[in-house]
């Protein structure tokens, strides 16, 4: 969640963005069981102390990874240039983010 906030806070300052941060989010989405991650996020949403910041992170997830041309997706494409097919990366980013958001409900 903190990486989403980090990118979101720096989105209007491209010189402070690091493509690796988006790649870290992508790796987590790809490597962690969606149901387990969704359950953890639902727990955070259920607590007063973490509800607002978690809700904002989910908005950032949708904003940064919800479309093939979104900024977070572009960052992952740049970070994996020459390693993976850009079209596959774009589809994976959007698909994984959508799957998580749907699992959260």
Protein backbone atom coordinates (compact mmCIF):
# COMPACT_ATOMS: atom_id res chain seq x y z
CA UNK A 1 0.00 0.00 0.00
CA UNK A 2 2.80 2.41 0.78
CA UNK A 3 4.26 2.09 -2.74
CA UNK A 4 0.90 3.16 -4.17
CA UNK A 5 0.93 6.22 -1.94
CA UNK A 6 4.55 6.95 -2.87
CA UNK A 7 3.78 6.90 -6.60
CA UNK A 8 0.56 8.84 -6.11
CA UNK A 9 2.32 11.58 -4.16
CA UNK A 10 5.02 11.92 -6.82
CA UNK A 11 2.90 11.47 -9.92
CA UNK A 12 2.97 15.18 -10.74
CA UNK A 13 6.76 15.22 -10.23
CA UNK A 14 8.07 12.78 -12.88
CA UNK A 15 11.69 13.42 -11.89
CA UNK A 16 10.91 11.87 -8.48
CA UNK A 17 9.16 8.77 -9.85
CA UNK A 18 11.01 5.46 -9.94
CA UNK A 19 9.71 2.81 -12.33
CA UNK A 20 10.95 0.19 -9.87
CA UNK A 21 8.24 1.23 -7.39
CA UNK A 22 5.51 0.29 -9.87
CA UNK A 23 7.38 -2.90 -10.72
CA UNK A 24 7.41 -3.79 -7.01
CA UNK A 25 3.61 -3.39 -6.91
CA UNK A 26 3.27 -5.54 -10.03
CA UNK A 27 5.45 -8.26 -8.50
CA UNK A 28 3.34 -8.27 -5.35
CA UNK A 29 0.12 -8.48 -7.35
CA UNK A 30 1.58 -11.33 -9.38
CA UNK A 31 3.20 -13.18 -6.50
CA UNK A 32 0.71 -12.99 -3.62
CA UNK A 33 -2.50 -15.01 -3.46
CA UNK A 34 -5.30 -12.60 -4.38
CA UNK A 35 -7.77 -14.01 -1.86
CA UNK A 36 -5.29 -13.65 1.01
CA UNK A 37 -4.32 -10.14 0.00
CA UNK A 38 -7.98 -9.14 -0.38
CA UNK A 39 -8.75 -10.50 3.08
CA UNK A 40 -5.88 -8.51 4.60
CA UNK A 41 -7.07 -5.35 2.87
CA UNK A 42 -10.66 -5.91 4.03
CA UNK A 43 -9.32 -6.16 7.60
CA UNK A 44 -7.52 -2.83 7.15
CA UNK A 45 -10.70 -1.27 5.78
CA UNK A 46 -12.55 -2.51 8.84
CA UNK A 47 -10.38 -0.62 11.32
CA UNK A 48 -10.84 3.08 12.05
CA UNK A 49 -7.09 3.69 12.20
CA UNK A 50 -6.39 2.32 8.70
CA UNK A 51 -9.67 2.77 6.79
CA UNK A 52 -8.94 6.13 5.14
CA UNK A 53 -5.37 5.43 4.07
CA UNK A 54 -6.31 1.98 2.76
CA UNK A 55 -9.27 3.39 0.85
CA UNK A 56 -7.00 5.98 -0.73
CA UNK A 57 -4.51 3.26 -1.70
CA UNK A 58 -7.29 1.34 -3.46
CA UNK A 59 -8.26 4.49 -5.39
CA UNK A 60 -4.62 4.84 -6.40
CA UNK A 61 -4.48 1.19 -7.45
CA UNK A 62 -7.44 1.75 -9.77
CA UNK A 63 -5.96 5.05 -11.04
CA UNK A 64 -2.42 3.74 -11.60
CA UNK A 65 -3.17 0.21 -12.80
CA UNK A 66 -6.80 0.20 -13.93
CA UNK A 67 -6.21 0.96 -17.62
CA UNK A 68 -3.57 -0.19 -20.10
CA UNK A 69 -2.39 3.42 -20.54
CA UNK A 70 -2.37 4.31 -16.83
CA UNK A 71 0.80 5.79 -15.37
CA UNK A 72 1.61 2.80 -13.13
CA UNK A 73 1.24 0.42 -16.06
CA UNK A 74 3.53 2.62 -18.18
CA UNK A 75 6.09 2.53 -15.39
CA UNK A 76 6.01 -1.28 -15.28
CA UNK A 77 6.33 -1.48 -19.07
CA UNK A 78 9.43 0.73 -18.92
CA UNK A 79 10.89 -1.30 -16.03
CA UNK A 80 10.49 -4.57 -17.95
CA UNK A 81 11.56 -3.24 -21.35
CA UNK A 82 13.29 -5.96 -23.31
CA UNK A 83 12.35 -8.62 -20.75
CA UNK A 84 8.63 -9.11 -21.32
CA UNK A 85 6.16 -8.26 -24.05
CA UNK A 86 4.64 -4.81 -23.35
CA UNK A 87 1.15 -5.92 -24.39
CA UNK A 88 1.33 -8.85 -21.97
CA UNK A 89 2.55 -6.58 -19.18
CA UNK A 90 -0.25 -4.09 -19.81
CA UNK A 91 -2.90 -6.81 -19.76
CA UNK A 92 -1.39 -8.40 -16.66
CA UNK A 93 -1.26 -5.13 -14.73
CA UNK A 94 -4.87 -4.29 -15.49
CA UNK A 95 -6.06 -7.86 -14.94
CA UNK A 96 -4.30 -8.31 -11.61
CA UNK A 97 -5.42 -4.94 -10.26
CA UNK A 98 -9.00 -5.59 -11.37
CA UNK A 99 -8.96 -9.07 -9.86
CA UNK A 100 -7.80 -7.70 -6.50
CA UNK A 101 -10.31 -4.86 -6.48
CA UNK A 102 -13.11 -7.29 -7.34
CA UNK A 103 -11.99 -9.71 -4.63
CA UNK A 104 -12.07 -6.92 -2.06
CA UNK A 105 -15.64 -6.12 -3.06
